[in-house]
């Protein structure tokens, strides 16, 4: 199942791949901030949205 991680504020795609990565690793890779808008990145399981992807 593909994974896509998007900044909640600006919509920047932070990660999109077939390989799943833990949210903490992605946050660490971006030094805790969105590279486009500078918003602090955080992980809250309640804010996760899972949808089927049709391509």
PDB file of N, CA and C in Angstrom:
ATOM      1  N   UNK A   1       0.846  -1.172   0.000  1.00  0.00           N
ATOM      2  CA  UNK A   1       0.000   0.000   0.000  1.00  0.00           C
ATOM      3  C   UNK A   1       0.895   1.240   0.000  1.00  0.00           C
ATOM      4  N   UNK A   2       0.695   2.173  -0.918  1.00  0.00           N
ATOM      5  CA  UNK A   2       1.505   3.394  -0.967  1.00  0.00           C
ATOM      6  C   UNK A   2       1.256   4.286   0.251  1.00  0.00           C
ATOM      7  N   UNK A   3       2.251   5.084   0.550  1.00  0.00           N
ATOM      8  CA  UNK A   3       2.157   6.033   1.656  1.00  0.00           C
ATOM      9  C   UNK A   3       2.423   7.423   1.098  1.00  0.00           C
ATOM     10  N   UNK A   4       1.584   8.386   1.497  1.00  0.00           N
ATOM     11  CA  UNK A   4       1.791   9.777   1.116  1.00  0.00           C
ATOM     12  C   UNK A   4       1.652  10.612   2.377  1.00  0.00           C
ATOM     13  N   UNK A   5       2.653  11.430   2.658  1.00  0.00           N
ATOM     14  CA  UNK A   5       2.633  12.304   3.831  1.00  0.00           C
ATOM     15  C   UNK A   5       2.617  13.737   3.317  1.00  0.00           C
ATOM     16  N   UNK A   6       1.626  14.508   3.787  1.00  0.00           N
ATOM     17  CA  UNK A   6       1.394  15.859   3.286  1.00  0.00           C
ATOM     18  C   UNK A   6       1.376  16.838   4.459  1.00  0.00           C
ATOM     19  N   UNK A   7       1.998  18.006   4.272  1.00  0.00           N
ATOM     20  CA  UNK A   7       1.952  19.065   5.289  1.00  0.00           C
ATOM     21  C   UNK A   7       0.508  19.542   5.427  1.00  0.00           C
ATOM     22  N   UNK A   8       0.015  19.557   6.637  1.00  0.00           N
ATOM     23  CA  UNK A   8      -1.364  19.953   6.906  1.00  0.00           C
ATOM     24  C   UNK A   8      -1.607  21.427   6.570  1.00  0.00           C
ATOM     25  N   UNK A   9      -0.584  22.266   6.708  1.00  0.00           N
ATOM     26  CA  UNK A   9      -0.761  23.702   6.480  1.00  0.00           C
ATOM     27  C   UNK A   9      -0.695  24.094   5.008  1.00  0.00           C
ATOM     28  N   UNK A  10       0.357  23.661   4.303  1.00  0.00           N
ATOM     29  CA  UNK A  10       0.563  24.151   2.939  1.00  0.00           C
ATOM     30  C   UNK A  10       0.285  23.116   1.855  1.00  0.00           C
ATOM     31  N   UNK A  11       0.112  21.860   2.239  1.00  0.00           N
ATOM     32  CA  UNK A  11      -0.185  20.826   1.263  1.00  0.00           C
ATOM     33  C   UNK A  11       1.028  20.246   0.560  1.00  0.00           C
ATOM     34  N   UNK A  12       2.214  20.648   0.949  1.00  0.00           N
ATOM     35  CA  UNK A  12       3.442  20.110   0.364  1.00  0.00           C
ATOM     36  C   UNK A  12       3.520  18.596   0.596  1.00  0.00           C
ATOM     37  N   UNK A  13       3.845  17.846  -0.442  1.00  0.00           N
ATOM     38  CA  UNK A  13       4.029  16.407  -0.302  1.00  0.00           C
ATOM     39  C   UNK A  13       5.420  16.169   0.274  1.00  0.00           C
ATOM     40  N   UNK A  14       5.462  15.638   1.470  1.00  0.00           N
ATOM     41  CA  UNK A  14       6.724  15.409   2.160  1.00  0.00           C
ATOM     42  C   UNK A  14       7.296  14.035   1.847  1.00  0.00           C
ATOM     43  N   UNK A  15       6.420  13.090   1.527  1.00  0.00           N
ATOM     44  CA  UNK A  15       6.870  11.739   1.208  1.00  0.00           C
ATOM     45  C   UNK A  15       5.773  11.043   0.431  1.00  0.00           C
ATOM     46  N   UNK A  16       6.172  10.350  -0.624  1.00  0.00           N
ATOM     47  CA  UNK A  16       5.226   9.565  -1.416  1.00  0.00           C
ATOM     48  C   UNK A  16       5.986   8.394  -2.018  1.00  0.00           C
ATOM     49  N   UNK A  17       5.658   7.182  -1.567  1.00  0.00           N
ATOM     50  CA  UNK A  17       6.367   5.998  -2.043  1.00  0.00           C
ATOM     51  C   UNK A  17       5.581   4.754  -1.661  1.00  0.00           C
ATOM     52  N   UNK A  18       5.938   3.663  -2.289  1.00  0.00           N
ATOM     53  CA  UNK A  18       5.330   2.367  -1.983  1.00  0.00           C
ATOM     54  C   UNK A  18       5.863   1.826  -0.650  1.00  0.00           C
ATOM     55  N   UNK A  19       7.082   2.216  -0.294  1.00  0.00           N
ATOM     56  CA  UNK A  19       7.691   1.786   0.970  1.00  0.00           C
ATOM     57  C   UNK A  19       7.154   2.628   2.122  1.00  0.00           C
ATOM     58  N   UNK A  20       6.713   1.966   3.178  1.00  0.00           N
ATOM     59  CA  UNK A  20       6.208   2.674   4.352  1.00  0.00           C
ATOM     60  C   UNK A  20       7.357   3.113   5.240  1.00  0.00           C
ATOM     61  N   UNK A  21       7.272   4.339   5.752  1.00  0.00           N
ATOM     62  CA  UNK A  21       8.270   4.853   6.690  1.00  0.00           C
ATOM     63  C   UNK A  21       7.559   5.341   7.934  1.00  0.00           C
ATOM     64  N   UNK A  22       8.172   5.156   9.099  1.00  0.00           N
ATOM     65  CA  UNK A  22       7.551   5.657  10.333  1.00  0.00           C
ATOM     66  C   UNK A  22       7.516   7.188  10.348  1.00  0.00           C
ATOM     67  N   UNK A  23       6.444   7.769  10.872  1.00  0.00           N
ATOM     68  CA  UNK A  23       6.334   9.232  10.927  1.00  0.00           C
ATOM     69  C   UNK A  23       7.512   9.897  11.628  1.00  0.00           C
ATOM     70  N   UNK A  24       8.012   9.274  12.679  1.00  0.00           N
ATOM     71  CA  UNK A  24       9.133   9.865  13.414  1.00  0.00           C
ATOM     72  C   UNK A  24      10.369  10.003  12.521  1.00  0.00           C
ATOM     73  N   UNK A  25      10.588   9.027  11.648  1.00  0.00           N
ATOM     74  CA  UNK A  25      11.732   9.086  10.734  1.00  0.00           C
ATOM     75  C   UNK A  25      11.578  10.227   9.728  1.00  0.00           C
ATOM     76  N   UNK A  26      10.378  10.401   9.209  1.00  0.00           N
ATOM     77  CA  UNK A  26      10.139  11.485   8.256  1.00  0.00           C
ATOM     78  C   UNK A  26      10.316  12.848   8.918  1.00  0.00           C
ATOM     79  N   UNK A  27       9.810  12.994  10.128  1.00  0.00           N
ATOM     80  CA  UNK A  27       9.971  14.255  10.865  1.00  0.00           C
ATOM     81  C   UNK A  27      11.447  14.543  11.091  1.00  0.00           C
ATOM     82  N   UNK A  28      12.202  13.528  11.477  1.00  0.00           N
ATOM     83  CA  UNK A  28      13.640  13.681  11.701  1.00  0.00           C
ATOM     84  C   UNK A  28      14.360  14.064  10.401  1.00  0.00           C
ATOM     85  N   UNK A  29      13.959  13.456   9.285  1.00  0.00           N
ATOM     86  CA  UNK A  29      14.582  13.766   7.990  1.00  0.00           C
ATOM     87  C   UNK A  29      14.427  15.234   7.606  1.00  0.00           C
ATOM     88  N   UNK A  30      13.323  15.855   8.017  1.00  0.00           N
ATOM     89  CA  UNK A  30      13.078  17.259   7.708  1.00  0.00           C
ATOM     90  C   UNK A  30      13.434  18.181   8.874  1.00  0.00           C
ATOM     91  N   UNK A  31      14.161  17.647   9.835  1.00  0.00           N
ATOM     92  CA  UNK A  31      14.580  18.408  11.020  1.00  0.00           C
ATOM     93  C   UNK A  31      13.399  19.062  11.718  1.00  0.00           C
ATOM     94  N   UNK A  32      12.244  18.375  11.666  1.00  0.00           N
ATOM     95  CA  UNK A  32      11.075  18.816  12.423  1.00  0.00           C
ATOM     96  C   UNK A  32      10.251  19.926  11.804  1.00  0.00           C
ATOM     97  N   UNK A  33      10.599  20.365  10.568  1.00  0.00           N
ATOM     98  CA  UNK A  33       9.848  21.472   9.951  1.00  0.00           C
ATOM     99  C   UNK A  33       9.573  21.187   8.487  1.00  0.00           C
ATOM    100  N   UNK A  34       8.421  21.643   8.019  1.00  0.00           N
ATOM    101  CA  UNK A  34       8.088  21.519   6.605  1.00  0.00           C
ATOM    102  C   UNK A  34       9.078  22.363   5.806  1.00  0.00           C
ATOM    103  N   UNK A  35       9.695  21.806   4.765  1.00  0.00           N
ATOM    104  CA  UNK A  35      10.668  22.565   3.985  1.00  0.00           C
ATOM    105  C   UNK A  35      10.047  23.704   3.183  1.00  0.00           C
ATOM    106  N   UNK A  36       8.752  23.656   2.938  1.00  0.00           N
ATOM    107  CA  UNK A  36       8.111  24.711   2.145  1.00  0.00           C
ATOM    108  C   UNK A  36       7.620  25.875   3.003  1.00  0.00           C
ATOM    109  N   UNK A  37       6.850  25.564   4.065  1.00  0.00           N
ATOM    110  CA  UNK A  37       6.230  26.641   4.849  1.00  0.00           C
ATOM    111  C   UNK A  37       6.849  26.848   6.230  1.00  0.00           C
ATOM    112  N   UNK A  38       7.702  25.916   6.672  1.00  0.00           N
ATOM    113  CA  UNK A  38       8.359  26.066   7.967  1.00  0.00           C
ATOM    114  C   UNK A  38       7.525  25.603   9.152  1.00  0.00           C
ATOM    115  N   UNK A  39       6.311  25.102   8.916  1.00  0.00           N
ATOM    116  CA  UNK A  39       5.450  24.621  10.002  1.00  0.00           C
ATOM    117  C   UNK A  39       6.138  23.480  10.744  1.00  0.00           C
ATOM    118  N   UNK A  40       6.042  23.502  12.072  1.00  0.00           N
ATOM    119  CA  UNK A  40       6.610  22.421  12.873  1.00  0.00           C
ATOM    120  C   UNK A  40       5.824  21.138  12.603  1.00  0.00           C
ATOM    121  N   UNK A  41       6.558  20.071  12.292  1.00  0.00           N
ATOM    122  CA  UNK A  41       5.934  18.783  12.015  1.00  0.00           C
ATOM    123  C   UNK A  41       5.775  18.004  13.313  1.00  0.00           C
ATOM    124  N   UNK A  42       4.640  17.336  13.449  1.00  0.00           N
ATOM    125  CA  UNK A  42       4.404  16.509  14.626  1.00  0.00           C
ATOM    126  C   UNK A  42       3.606  15.289  14.196  1.00  0.00           C
ATOM    127  N   UNK A  43       3.563  14.312  15.059  1.00  0.00           N
ATOM    128  CA  UNK A  43       2.833  13.080  14.775  1.00  0.00           C
ATOM    129  C   UNK A  43       1.810  12.846  15.856  1.00  0.00           C
ATOM    130  N   UNK A  44       0.552  12.820  15.449  1.00  0.00           N
ATOM    131  CA  UNK A  44      -0.547  12.529  16.359  1.00  0.00           C
ATOM    132  C   UNK A  44      -1.414  11.476  15.676  1.00  0.00           C
ATOM    133  N   UNK A  45      -1.462  10.254  16.208  1.00  0.00           N
ATOM    134  CA  UNK A  45      -2.245   9.186  15.570  1.00  0.00           C
ATOM    135  C   UNK A  45      -3.705   9.554  15.310  1.00  0.00           C
ATOM    136  N   UNK A  46      -4.267  10.458  16.089  1.00  0.00           N
ATOM    137  CA  UNK A  46      -5.661  10.869  15.891  1.00  0.00           C
ATOM    138  C   UNK A  46      -5.846  11.677  14.609  1.00  0.00           C
ATOM    139  N   UNK A  47      -4.750  12.242  14.075  1.00  0.00           N
ATOM    140  CA  UNK A  47      -4.836  13.066  12.871  1.00  0.00           C
ATOM    141  C   UNK A  47      -4.503  12.304  11.596  1.00  0.00           C
ATOM    142  N   UNK A  48      -4.311  11.003  11.696  1.00  0.00           N
ATOM    143  CA  UNK A  48      -3.981  10.193  10.527  1.00  0.00           C
ATOM    144  C   UNK A  48      -5.254   9.911   9.733  1.00  0.00           C
ATOM    145  N   UNK A  49      -5.157  10.087   8.438  1.00  0.00           N
ATOM    146  CA  UNK A  49      -6.282   9.784   7.553  1.00  0.00           C
ATOM    147  C   UNK A  49      -5.842   8.686   6.596  1.00  0.00           C
ATOM    148  N   UNK A  50      -6.610   7.618   6.543  1.00  0.00           N
ATOM    149  CA  UNK A  50      -6.296   6.494   5.657  1.00  0.00           C
ATOM    150  C   UNK A  50      -7.406   6.394   4.619  1.00  0.00           C
ATOM    151  N   UNK A  51      -6.986   6.419   3.346  1.00  0.00           N
ATOM    152  CA  UNK A  51      -7.944   6.326   2.249  1.00  0.00           C
ATOM    153  C   UNK A  51      -7.452   5.324   1.225  1.00  0.00           C
ATOM    154  N   UNK A  52      -8.401   4.738   0.485  1.00  0.00           N
ATOM    155  CA  UNK A  52      -8.018   3.900  -0.643  1.00  0.00           C
ATOM    156  C   UNK A  52      -7.533   4.802  -1.753  1.00  0.00           C
ATOM    157  N   UNK A  53      -6.524   4.348  -2.448  1.00  0.00           N
ATOM    158  CA  UNK A  53      -5.964   5.127  -3.539  1.00  0.00           C
ATOM    159  C   UNK A  53      -6.310   4.448  -4.851  1.00  0.00           C
ATOM    160  N   UNK A  54      -6.937   5.189  -5.712  1.00  0.00           N
ATOM    161  CA  UNK A  54      -7.284   4.665  -7.037  1.00  0.00           C
ATOM    162  C   UNK A  54      -6.413   5.354  -8.062  1.00  0.00           C
ATOM    163  N   UNK A  55      -5.644   4.576  -8.791  1.00  0.00           N
ATOM    164  CA  UNK A  55      -4.798   5.166  -9.843  1.00  0.00           C
ATOM    165  C   UNK A  55      -5.002   4.438 -11.131  1.00  0.00           C
TER     166      UNK A  55
END
